[in-house]
Amino acid sequence: MKNVAFDWNDLKFFLAVARHGGLSAAGLALGTSASTVSRHIAALEERFGASLFLRQQTGYLLTDDGAVLLKHIDLVEQAMMAAERNSLSSAQQELSGQVRLATTEMLAFHLIVPQLHRFRERYPKLQVELNIALTRANLSRREADLALRIVAPDPDDGAGDYIASRVGKMDFGMYGATGSLPVDANAAAAWQSLDYVSWDDSWADLPMAKWMKTTFRDKPPALACNSLQAQYAAVRSGLGVGMLPCFIGDGDPTLQRLGGIQPSLSRDLWLVYHRDLKGSQRVIAMRDFIVELINERL
């Protein structure tokens, strides 16, 4: 074997046939045709001057020479994979500096911050700065490196300079504090007579605020505010029922989702960053981490 000049491309096809037991299955695994696989196996056998497989109707079986070759290739593959893992780990360890993320209080408190220890474990030299505000951070002025938002960027917000991706959606439902609700709380007529919390006039155009106003027939809320986090605290305390993100309400044992008339409301989640930062490894690391969290939770 030491006198044979290896073509590593052929060895990839050899591995696939050895592991899948046939040309068609190997071709499917590699995204190519059985005839292409066969051509590479023939070239490899010619180079070795030996048969590597027994061709049988039930599939391809390794010869003794094929088994020896597989043993050596396995060792090489494991070494290459280990080198790749070590290279990735080193790159993560060396990534340093600061990445600045702008987002809403609810997404910060309930999605991002509780999992930041995982990000820190991957990138111990990378510091995170969170910009939590009701107003959108201006990425063109570098108020943040990237933003997780519930609205897409618009032309007035510098959208032409941004890369924006829809990364998920956040569903909303009606919730009340367990133990503070009437027995028939799942009947719409029952909970529509309860006190409720909602958005103040500055956020009256939100679909959630409009739905609440229509559903409660212009009855004034027990609490109106511009903070969803404050509404969440009010609902948990029993002040009134309210509309909350389902990933938060369903995960809180002190809350009960109300039945009856339910809103079918959701908000798209957008991940936005400036085009100038599309090659930044710091931004890419945070972007991938956020997408991972959204896929897990939402």
Protein backbone atom coordinates (compact mmCIF):
# COMPACT_ATOMS: atom_id res chain seq x y z
CA MET A 1 0.00 0.00 0.00
CA LYS A 2 2.80 2.44 0.75
CA ASN A 3 3.89 2.37 -2.91
CA VAL A 4 0.41 3.32 -4.17
CA ALA A 5 -0.36 6.94 -5.05
CA PHE A 6 -3.75 7.60 -3.45
CA ASP A 7 -6.46 9.65 -5.10
CA TRP A 8 -8.44 10.79 -2.06
CA ASN A 9 -11.47 11.44 -4.21
CA ASP A 10 -11.60 7.74 -5.11
CA LEU A 11 -11.24 6.80 -1.45
CA LYS A 12 -14.39 8.80 -0.64
CA PHE A 13 -16.34 6.56 -3.02
CA PHE A 14 -14.69 3.44 -1.60
CA LEU A 15 -15.79 4.41 1.91
CA ALA A 16 -19.37 4.98 0.76
CA VAL A 17 -19.63 1.57 -0.91
CA ALA A 18 -18.01 -0.19 2.06
CA ARG A 19 -20.46 1.43 4.48
CA HIS A 20 -23.63 1.22 2.40
CA GLY A 21 -23.01 -2.14 0.74
CA GLY A 22 -23.73 -1.21 -2.87
CA LEU A 23 -23.30 1.27 -5.70
CA SER A 24 -26.81 2.74 -5.66
CA ALA A 25 -26.89 3.34 -1.90
CA ALA A 26 -23.40 4.84 -2.03
CA GLY A 27 -24.40 7.10 -4.92
CA LEU A 28 -27.47 8.26 -3.01
CA ALA A 29 -25.36 9.07 0.05
CA LEU A 30 -22.88 11.04 -2.04
CA GLY A 31 -25.46 12.74 -4.23
CA THR A 32 -24.25 11.13 -7.44
CA SER A 33 -25.04 8.19 -9.75
CA ALA A 34 -24.22 4.52 -9.33
CA SER A 35 -22.21 4.59 -12.57
CA THR A 36 -20.00 7.38 -11.21
CA VAL A 37 -19.37 5.39 -8.05
CA SER A 38 -18.55 2.30 -10.10
CA ARG A 39 -16.06 4.26 -12.21
CA HIS A 40 -14.17 5.48 -9.15
CA ILE A 41 -14.09 2.00 -7.58
CA ALA A 42 -12.71 0.54 -10.82
CA ALA A 43 -10.01 3.23 -10.95
CA LEU A 44 -9.02 2.49 -7.35
CA GLU A 45 -8.86 -1.26 -7.94
CA GLU A 46 -6.72 -0.71 -11.03
CA ARG A 47 -4.34 1.46 -9.04
CA PHE A 48 -4.05 -1.23 -6.34
CA GLY A 49 -3.94 -4.09 -8.79
CA ALA A 50 -6.41 -5.95 -6.58
CA SER A 51 -10.15 -6.47 -6.16
CA LEU A 52 -11.51 -4.57 -3.22
CA PHE A 53 -15.09 -5.90 -3.36
CA LEU A 54 -16.89 -9.13 -4.08
CA ARG A 55 -19.77 -8.29 -6.42
CA GLN A 56 -22.81 -10.27 -5.35
CA GLN A 57 -26.52 -9.99 -6.07
CA THR A 58 -27.13 -9.02 -2.45
CA GLY A 59 -24.55 -6.24 -2.59
CA TYR A 60 -20.84 -5.47 -2.38
CA LEU A 61 -18.71 -7.28 0.21
CA LEU A 62 -15.15 -6.34 1.10
CA THR A 63 -12.34 -8.64 0.05
CA ASP A 64 -9.35 -9.14 2.37
CA ASP A 65 -7.50 -6.37 0.50
CA GLY A 66 -10.58 -4.15 0.80
CA ALA A 67 -10.80 -4.76 4.55
CA VAL A 68 -7.12 -3.76 5.00
CA LEU A 69 -7.71 -0.59 2.99
CA LEU A 70 -10.84 0.26 5.00
CA LYS A 71 -8.91 -0.06 8.26
CA HIS A 72 -6.31 2.47 7.08
CA ILE A 73 -8.85 4.89 5.64
CA ASP A 74 -10.88 4.80 8.86
CA LEU A 75 -7.80 5.95 10.77
CA VAL A 76 -7.14 8.74 8.27
CA GLU A 77 -10.79 9.88 8.36
CA GLN A 78 -10.82 9.99 12.16
CA ALA A 79 -7.60 12.04 12.17
CA MET A 80 -9.01 14.49 9.62
CA MET A 81 -12.26 14.88 11.58
CA ALA A 82 -10.34 15.45 14.81
CA ALA A 83 -8.20 18.10 13.08
CA GLU A 84 -11.35 19.80 11.80
CA ARG A 85 -12.94 19.81 15.26
CA ASN A 86 -9.77 21.16 16.85
CA SER A 87 -9.52 23.85 14.19
CA LEU A 88 -13.11 24.94 14.81
CA SER A 89 -12.61 24.86 18.57
CA SER A 90 -9.45 26.97 18.27
CA ALA A 91 -11.25 29.50 16.07
CA GLN A 92 -14.02 29.78 18.64
CA GLN A 93 -11.56 30.15 21.50
CA GLU A 94 -9.68 32.90 19.66
CA LEU A 95 -12.74 34.92 18.64
CA SER A 96 -12.57 38.02 20.83
CA GLY A 97 -13.87 41.54 21.17
CA GLN A 98 -17.45 42.68 21.61
CA VAL A 99 -20.71 41.95 19.81
CA ARG A 100 -23.66 44.30 20.40
CA LEU A 101 -27.20 42.98 20.09
CA ALA A 102 -30.35 45.12 20.13
CA THR A 103 -33.67 43.47 20.96
CA THR A 104 -36.89 43.81 22.95
CA GLU A 105 -37.13 43.29 26.69
CA MET A 106 -39.23 40.13 26.39
CA LEU A 107 -36.87 38.47 23.92
CA ALA A 108 -33.89 39.56 26.01
CA PHE A 109 -35.29 38.37 29.36
CA HIS A 110 -36.95 35.15 28.23
CA LEU A 111 -34.99 33.96 25.18
CA ILE A 112 -31.50 35.46 24.97
CA VAL A 113 -30.16 36.16 28.48
CA PRO A 114 -31.11 32.80 30.10
CA GLN A 115 -29.02 31.02 27.46
CA LEU A 116 -26.06 33.41 27.16
CA HIS A 117 -23.93 31.10 29.28
CA ARG A 118 -23.93 28.69 26.33
CA PHE A 119 -22.64 31.43 24.02
CA ARG A 120 -19.97 32.32 26.59
CA GLU A 121 -18.83 28.70 26.80
CA ARG A 122 -18.30 28.64 23.04
CA TYR A 123 -16.67 32.06 22.81
CA PRO A 124 -15.06 32.81 26.20
CA LYS A 125 -13.17 35.86 24.88
CA LEU A 126 -16.21 37.46 23.26
CA GLN A 127 -18.20 39.99 25.29
CA VAL A 128 -21.89 40.68 24.68
CA GLU A 129 -23.54 44.07 24.98
CA LEU A 130 -27.36 44.15 24.99
CA ASN A 131 -29.28 47.19 23.82
CA ILE A 132 -32.82 46.79 25.23
CA ALA A 133 -35.20 49.54 24.20
CA LEU A 134 -38.66 50.21 22.81
CA THR A 135 -37.21 52.17 19.91
CA ARG A 136 -35.29 50.44 17.14
CA ALA A 137 -31.53 50.74 17.23
CA ASN A 138 -30.05 52.48 14.19
CA LEU A 139 -27.56 49.98 12.80
CA SER A 140 -26.21 52.49 10.28
CA ARG A 141 -25.06 54.66 13.18
CA ARG A 142 -23.57 51.56 14.84
CA GLU A 143 -25.93 51.69 17.82
CA ALA A 144 -25.73 47.89 17.62
CA ASP A 145 -24.07 45.27 15.44
CA LEU A 146 -27.24 43.28 14.88
CA ALA A 147 -30.85 43.36 16.02
CA LEU A 148 -33.56 40.79 16.73
CA ARG A 149 -36.89 42.49 16.00
CA ILE A 150 -40.59 41.77 15.58
CA VAL A 151 -40.82 44.17 12.62
CA ALA A 152 -38.97 44.14 9.31
CA PRO A 153 -36.74 47.14 8.52
CA ASP A 154 -38.31 49.83 6.36
CA PRO A 155 -36.71 52.37 3.97
CA ASP A 156 -36.79 55.11 6.62
CA ASP A 157 -34.79 52.84 8.88
CA GLY A 158 -31.94 52.28 6.42
CA ALA A 159 -33.33 48.99 5.10
CA GLY A 160 -31.31 49.30 1.91
CA ASP A 161 -28.10 49.00 3.91
CA TYR A 162 -29.28 46.01 5.95
CA ILE A 163 -29.31 42.26 5.57
CA ALA A 164 -32.61 41.09 7.07
CA SER A 165 -33.72 37.48 7.53
CA ARG A 166 -37.00 36.17 8.84
CA VAL A 167 -35.86 33.64 11.44
CA GLY A 168 -39.16 32.54 13.00
CA LYS A 169 -42.41 33.78 14.45
CA MET A 170 -43.79 34.43 17.91
CA ASP A 171 -47.38 33.31 18.56
CA PHE A 172 -49.61 35.08 21.10
CA GLY A 173 -52.44 33.79 23.30
CA MET A 174 -54.66 34.93 26.19
CA TYR A 175 -53.48 34.01 29.70
CA GLY A 176 -54.56 34.48 33.29
CA ALA A 177 -53.03 33.60 36.66
CA THR A 178 -53.87 30.08 37.77
CA GLY A 179 -56.18 30.24 40.79
CA SER A 180 -57.51 33.72 40.04
CA LEU A 181 -59.82 32.65 37.21
CA PRO A 182 -63.47 31.59 37.36
CA VAL A 183 -64.26 27.90 36.98
CA ASP A 184 -65.64 28.46 33.49
CA ALA A 185 -62.68 30.59 32.38
CA ASN A 186 -62.38 28.60 29.18
CA ALA A 187 -65.69 30.07 28.05
CA ALA A 188 -65.09 33.31 26.18
CA ALA A 189 -68.07 35.02 27.81
CA ALA A 190 -66.59 34.32 31.24
CA TRP A 191 -63.15 35.80 30.75
CA GLN A 192 -64.34 38.70 28.62
CA SER A 193 -65.97 40.08 31.78
CA LEU A 194 -62.65 39.98 33.70
CA ASP A 195 -60.19 42.81 34.16
CA TYR A 196 -57.39 42.83 31.61
CA VAL A 197 -54.05 44.45 30.87
CA SER A 198 -53.02 45.86 27.52
CA TRP A 199 -50.90 48.39 25.65
CA ASP A 200 -51.18 52.13 26.15
CA ASP A 201 -52.29 54.59 23.44
CA SER A 202 -48.79 54.98 22.04
CA TRP A 203 -48.96 51.32 20.92
CA ALA A 204 -52.65 51.25 19.97
CA ASP A 205 -51.83 50.26 16.38
CA LEU A 206 -50.35 46.92 17.41
CA PRO A 207 -52.51 44.01 16.21
CA MET A 208 -52.58 42.65 19.77
CA ALA A 209 -53.82 45.97 21.17
CA LYS A 210 -56.50 46.26 18.49
CA TRP A 211 -57.73 42.72 19.19
CA MET A 212 -57.95 43.39 22.92
CA LYS A 213 -59.89 46.62 22.41
CA THR A 214 -62.40 44.91 20.11
CA THR A 215 -62.75 41.80 22.27
CA PHE A 216 -63.34 43.72 25.51
CA ARG A 217 -65.73 46.11 23.76
CA ASP A 218 -63.88 49.31 24.64
CA LYS A 219 -63.82 48.42 28.34
CA PRO A 220 -60.79 50.26 29.79
CA PRO A 221 -57.92 48.00 30.91
CA ALA A 222 -56.91 47.66 34.55
CA LEU A 223 -53.38 48.42 33.38
CA ALA A 224 -52.24 50.07 30.16
CA CYS A 225 -48.51 50.35 29.56
CA ASN A 226 -45.82 50.23 26.89
CA SER A 227 -43.98 47.26 28.41
CA LEU A 228 -44.84 43.65 27.64
CA GLN A 229 -42.65 42.58 30.54
CA ALA A 230 -44.78 44.70 32.89
CA GLN A 231 -47.96 43.20 31.41
CA TYR A 232 -46.52 39.74 32.02
CA ALA A 233 -45.86 40.60 35.68
CA ALA A 234 -49.38 42.02 36.03
CA VAL A 235 -51.02 38.89 34.58
CA ARG A 236 -48.94 36.65 36.87
CA SER A 237 -50.04 38.71 39.91
CA GLY A 238 -53.73 38.23 39.05
CA LEU A 239 -54.37 41.87 38.15
CA GLY A 240 -56.08 40.79 34.97
CA VAL A 241 -55.88 38.57 31.92
CA GLY A 242 -53.60 39.54 29.06
CA MET A 243 -52.12 38.58 25.74
CA LEU A 244 -48.63 37.10 26.00
CA PRO A 245 -46.17 35.25 23.76
CA CYS A 246 -47.08 31.56 23.88
CA PHE A 247 -43.51 30.39 24.42
CA ILE A 248 -43.54 32.36 27.67
CA GLY A 249 -47.12 31.75 28.82
CA ASP A 250 -47.11 28.02 28.06
CA GLY A 251 -43.84 27.59 29.93
CA ASP A 252 -45.03 29.34 33.10
CA PRO A 253 -46.82 26.97 35.51
CA THR A 254 -48.44 29.92 37.29
CA LEU A 255 -50.37 30.84 34.13
CA GLN A 256 -53.31 29.26 32.36
CA ARG A 257 -54.08 29.71 28.70
CA LEU A 258 -57.71 30.75 28.23
CA GLY A 259 -60.07 28.95 25.91
CA GLY A 260 -63.04 30.20 23.96
CA ILE A 261 -62.35 32.97 21.48
CA GLN A 262 -58.61 32.92 20.87
CA PRO A 263 -56.61 35.32 18.76
CA SER A 264 -54.71 33.85 15.87
CA LEU A 265 -51.98 36.44 16.14
CA SER A 266 -48.28 36.08 15.59
CA ARG A 267 -45.35 38.34 14.88
CA ASP A 268 -42.49 37.51 12.54
CA LEU A 269 -39.04 37.63 14.08
CA TRP A 270 -36.37 39.37 12.01
CA LEU A 271 -32.62 39.23 12.43
CA VAL A 272 -31.01 42.33 10.97
CA TYR A 273 -27.43 43.52 10.56
CA HIS A 274 -25.58 46.03 8.40
CA ARG A 275 -24.12 44.88 5.09
CA ASP A 276 -20.71 46.16 6.15
CA LEU A 277 -20.66 43.49 8.87
CA LYS A 278 -21.63 40.48 6.74
CA GLY A 279 -18.09 39.12 7.02
CA SER A 280 -17.71 39.76 10.75
CA GLN A 281 -17.11 36.52 12.61
CA ARG A 282 -18.45 38.11 15.81
CA VAL A 283 -21.74 38.93 14.11
CA ILE A 284 -21.95 35.52 12.43
CA ALA A 285 -21.38 33.80 15.78
CA MET A 286 -24.22 35.73 17.45
CA ARG A 287 -26.48 35.33 14.42
CA ASP A 288 -26.09 31.55 14.41
CA PHE A 289 -26.61 31.39 18.18
CA ILE A 290 -29.88 33.34 17.99
CA VAL A 291 -31.19 31.18 15.14
CA GLU A 292 -30.35 28.10 17.22
CA LEU A 293 -32.32 29.45 20.21
CA ILE A 294 -35.34 30.33 18.08
CA ASN A 295 -35.38 26.86 16.52
CA GLU A 296 -35.25 25.33 20.02
CA ARG A 297 -37.86 27.50 21.71
CA LEU A 298 -40.21 28.77 19.02
